[in-house]
Every structure is written in structure tokens, then in C-alpha cells.
Amino acid sequence: MGIRERALARRKKMVAHRAMNFTEAEDWDLLFWQDQTAEQRLSALVSIRQDVLKVEQGRKQRSRIKNRGD
């Protein structure tokens, strides 16, 4: 499956909500995650962790590049 197909499949699964305030947003978020299976929640957690690791690696690399230029 190519990037276009993956993007299309991802868009079909997206769920959005416009909240009027923070309390409504928190309530909706809680209901959304409670509606997910354990596997879906774990998959989301793993994806977030992978993203965090990529950001940390990018910061380290940028720091090394910046320090070389000094």
C-alpha cells in the first residue's frame, strides 16, 4: 500500500469534534478513548512513543550539528 492509499485510509478513520470549552473537550476525549478497544489504545500509545523518540533523536542531531558550527 502506497502513501496515498494509507493517507486515504487514515482520513476515513479520523474522528473529530469541536468543543465549546475545555470541559466539553475533556469529556469528549474521555468518551472517545473509553470507546476504543485495549488493542486500539495500546496501538495509539506505541505510535505516540515512536513519535516522541523521533523528536528526541531529531533534537539530539540538531544539537550536534549546531555545536559543530560554533
N, C-alpha and C. Protein backbone atom coordinates (compact mmCIF):
# COMPACT_ATOMS: atom_id res chain seq x y z
N MET A 1 0.86 -1.17 0.00
CA MET A 1 0.00 0.00 0.00
C MET A 1 0.91 1.24 0.00
N GLY A 2 0.63 2.16 -0.92
CA GLY A 2 1.43 3.36 -1.02
C GLY A 2 0.99 4.44 -0.05
N ILE A 3 1.73 5.54 -0.06
CA ILE A 3 1.45 6.63 0.88
C ILE A 3 0.07 7.24 0.63
N ARG A 4 -0.32 7.36 -0.62
CA ARG A 4 -1.65 7.94 -0.91
C ARG A 4 -2.77 7.06 -0.38
N GLU A 5 -2.61 5.76 -0.55
CA GLU A 5 -3.64 4.83 -0.06
C GLU A 5 -3.71 4.85 1.46
N ARG A 6 -2.53 4.91 2.10
CA ARG A 6 -2.51 4.96 3.57
C ARG A 6 -3.14 6.25 4.08
N ALA A 7 -2.85 7.36 3.40
CA ALA A 7 -3.42 8.65 3.80
C ALA A 7 -4.94 8.62 3.65
N LEU A 8 -5.43 8.05 2.57
CA LEU A 8 -6.88 7.96 2.36
C LEU A 8 -7.53 7.09 3.42
N ALA A 9 -6.92 5.94 3.71
CA ALA A 9 -7.46 5.06 4.75
C ALA A 9 -7.48 5.75 6.10
N ARG A 10 -6.42 6.53 6.40
CA ARG A 10 -6.34 7.25 7.67
C ARG A 10 -7.44 8.31 7.76
N ARG A 11 -7.67 9.02 6.66
CA ARG A 11 -8.72 10.05 6.66
C ARG A 11 -10.10 9.45 6.89
N LYS A 12 -10.33 8.27 6.36
CA LYS A 12 -11.62 7.61 6.54
C LYS A 12 -11.88 7.24 7.99
N LYS A 13 -10.79 7.01 8.75
CA LYS A 13 -10.93 6.61 10.16
C LYS A 13 -10.90 7.79 11.13
N MET A 14 -10.57 8.98 10.65
CA MET A 14 -10.44 10.12 11.55
C MET A 14 -11.78 10.49 12.19
N VAL A 15 -11.69 10.86 13.45
CA VAL A 15 -12.86 11.30 14.20
C VAL A 15 -12.52 12.68 14.76
N ALA A 16 -13.41 13.62 14.57
CA ALA A 16 -13.15 14.98 15.05
C ALA A 16 -14.35 15.49 15.84
N HIS A 17 -14.08 16.48 16.66
CA HIS A 17 -15.14 17.10 17.47
C HIS A 17 -14.72 18.53 17.75
N ARG A 18 -15.68 19.43 17.70
CA ARG A 18 -15.41 20.83 18.04
C ARG A 18 -16.08 21.11 19.39
N ALA A 19 -15.28 21.36 20.38
CA ALA A 19 -15.79 21.60 21.73
C ALA A 19 -15.97 23.10 21.95
N MET A 20 -16.91 23.44 22.78
CA MET A 20 -17.18 24.84 23.10
C MET A 20 -16.29 25.34 24.25
N ASN A 21 -15.73 24.39 25.04
CA ASN A 21 -14.86 24.77 26.15
C ASN A 21 -13.99 23.57 26.52
N PHE A 22 -13.06 23.78 27.45
CA PHE A 22 -12.13 22.72 27.83
C PHE A 22 -12.84 21.55 28.50
N THR A 23 -13.84 21.83 29.29
CA THR A 23 -14.56 20.75 29.98
C THR A 23 -15.23 19.84 28.97
N GLU A 24 -15.89 20.42 27.98
CA GLU A 24 -16.55 19.63 26.94
C GLU A 24 -15.51 18.82 26.16
N ALA A 25 -14.36 19.41 25.90
CA ALA A 25 -13.30 18.70 25.18
C ALA A 25 -12.79 17.51 25.98
N GLU A 26 -12.58 17.71 27.28
CA GLU A 26 -12.12 16.63 28.14
C GLU A 26 -13.14 15.50 28.21
N ASP A 27 -14.42 15.86 28.32
CA ASP A 27 -15.48 14.84 28.37
C ASP A 27 -15.52 14.03 27.09
N TRP A 28 -15.44 14.72 25.95
CA TRP A 28 -15.48 14.04 24.66
C TRP A 28 -14.26 13.13 24.52
N ASP A 29 -13.09 13.63 24.91
CA ASP A 29 -11.86 12.85 24.81
C ASP A 29 -11.95 11.58 25.65
N LEU A 30 -12.46 11.70 26.86
CA LEU A 30 -12.62 10.54 27.73
C LEU A 30 -13.56 9.51 27.09
N LEU A 31 -14.69 9.97 26.58
CA LEU A 31 -15.63 9.05 25.93
C LEU A 31 -15.00 8.38 24.71
N PHE A 32 -14.25 9.15 23.93
CA PHE A 32 -13.59 8.60 22.74
C PHE A 32 -12.67 7.45 23.14
N TRP A 33 -11.79 7.69 24.12
CA TRP A 33 -10.82 6.66 24.49
C TRP A 33 -11.46 5.48 25.20
N GLN A 34 -12.53 5.72 25.94
CA GLN A 34 -13.24 4.61 26.58
C GLN A 34 -13.92 3.73 25.55
N ASP A 35 -14.25 4.30 24.40
CA ASP A 35 -14.91 3.56 23.33
C ASP A 35 -13.93 2.70 22.53
N GLN A 36 -12.62 2.93 22.70
CA GLN A 36 -11.61 2.18 21.96
C GLN A 36 -11.32 0.86 22.68
N THR A 37 -10.91 -0.13 21.90
CA THR A 37 -10.52 -1.41 22.50
C THR A 37 -9.15 -1.25 23.16
N ALA A 38 -8.80 -2.21 23.97
CA ALA A 38 -7.48 -2.19 24.61
C ALA A 38 -6.38 -2.19 23.54
N GLU A 39 -6.59 -2.96 22.49
CA GLU A 39 -5.60 -3.02 21.42
C GLU A 39 -5.45 -1.67 20.72
N GLN A 40 -6.56 -0.97 20.49
CA GLN A 40 -6.50 0.34 19.85
C GLN A 40 -5.79 1.36 20.74
N ARG A 41 -6.07 1.32 22.03
CA ARG A 41 -5.40 2.25 22.95
C ARG A 41 -3.91 1.97 23.02
N LEU A 42 -3.54 0.69 23.08
CA LEU A 42 -2.13 0.32 23.12
C LEU A 42 -1.42 0.73 21.82
N SER A 43 -2.08 0.52 20.70
CA SER A 43 -1.50 0.91 19.41
C SER A 43 -1.26 2.41 19.36
N ALA A 44 -2.21 3.19 19.86
CA ALA A 44 -2.05 4.65 19.90
C ALA A 44 -0.88 5.03 20.80
N LEU A 45 -0.75 4.39 21.93
CA LEU A 45 0.35 4.67 22.86
C LEU A 45 1.70 4.36 22.21
N VAL A 46 1.78 3.23 21.53
CA VAL A 46 3.03 2.85 20.85
C VAL A 46 3.37 3.87 19.78
N SER A 47 2.38 4.31 19.01
CA SER A 47 2.61 5.31 17.96
C SER A 47 3.10 6.62 18.56
N ILE A 48 2.50 7.04 19.64
CA ILE A 48 2.93 8.28 20.30
C ILE A 48 4.36 8.14 20.81
N ARG A 49 4.68 6.99 21.40
CA ARG A 49 6.03 6.76 21.91
C ARG A 49 7.05 6.81 20.78
N GLN A 50 6.72 6.21 19.64
CA GLN A 50 7.62 6.25 18.49
C GLN A 50 7.83 7.68 18.00
N ASP A 51 6.77 8.47 17.99
CA ASP A 51 6.88 9.88 17.59
C ASP A 51 7.77 10.65 18.56
N VAL A 52 7.62 10.39 19.85
CA VAL A 52 8.44 11.07 20.85
C VAL A 52 9.91 10.73 20.65
N LEU A 53 10.20 9.45 20.40
CA LEU A 53 11.58 9.04 20.17
C LEU A 53 12.16 9.73 18.94
N LYS A 54 11.38 9.86 17.87
CA LYS A 54 11.85 10.54 16.67
C LYS A 54 12.16 12.01 16.95
N VAL A 55 11.31 12.65 17.72
CA VAL A 55 11.54 14.05 18.07
C VAL A 55 12.81 14.18 18.90
N GLU A 56 12.98 13.31 19.87
CA GLU A 56 14.19 13.35 20.71
C GLU A 56 15.44 13.12 19.88
N GLN A 57 15.40 12.18 18.95
CA GLN A 57 16.54 11.93 18.08
C GLN A 57 16.84 13.15 17.21
N GLY A 58 15.79 13.78 16.69
CA GLY A 58 15.98 14.98 15.88
C GLY A 58 16.59 16.12 16.68
N ARG A 59 16.17 16.28 17.91
CA ARG A 59 16.74 17.33 18.76
C ARG A 59 18.22 17.07 19.04
N LYS A 60 18.55 15.81 19.32
CA LYS A 60 19.96 15.47 19.57
C LYS A 60 20.81 15.73 18.33
N GLN A 61 20.29 15.33 17.18
CA GLN A 61 21.02 15.53 15.94
C GLN A 61 21.19 17.02 15.65
N ARG A 62 20.14 17.80 15.85
CA ARG A 62 20.20 19.24 15.61
C ARG A 62 21.20 19.89 16.57
N SER A 63 21.22 19.42 17.82
CA SER A 63 22.16 19.95 18.80
C SER A 63 23.60 19.65 18.39
N ARG A 64 23.84 18.43 17.90
CA ARG A 64 25.20 18.08 17.46
C ARG A 64 25.64 18.94 16.27
N ILE A 65 24.74 19.15 15.34
CA ILE A 65 25.04 19.98 14.16
C ILE A 65 25.31 21.41 14.57
N LYS A 66 24.48 21.92 15.48
CA LYS A 66 24.64 23.29 15.95
C LYS A 66 25.98 23.46 16.67
N ASN A 67 26.35 22.48 17.49
CA ASN A 67 27.61 22.57 18.25
C ASN A 67 28.83 22.48 17.33
N ARG A 68 28.71 21.79 16.20
CA ARG A 68 29.82 21.73 15.25
C ARG A 68 30.08 23.08 14.60
N GLY A 69 29.02 23.86 14.45
CA GLY A 69 29.13 25.16 13.78
C GLY A 69 29.71 26.24 14.67
N ASP A 70 29.75 26.00 15.97
CA ASP A 70 30.26 27.02 16.91
C ASP A 70 31.76 27.06 16.95
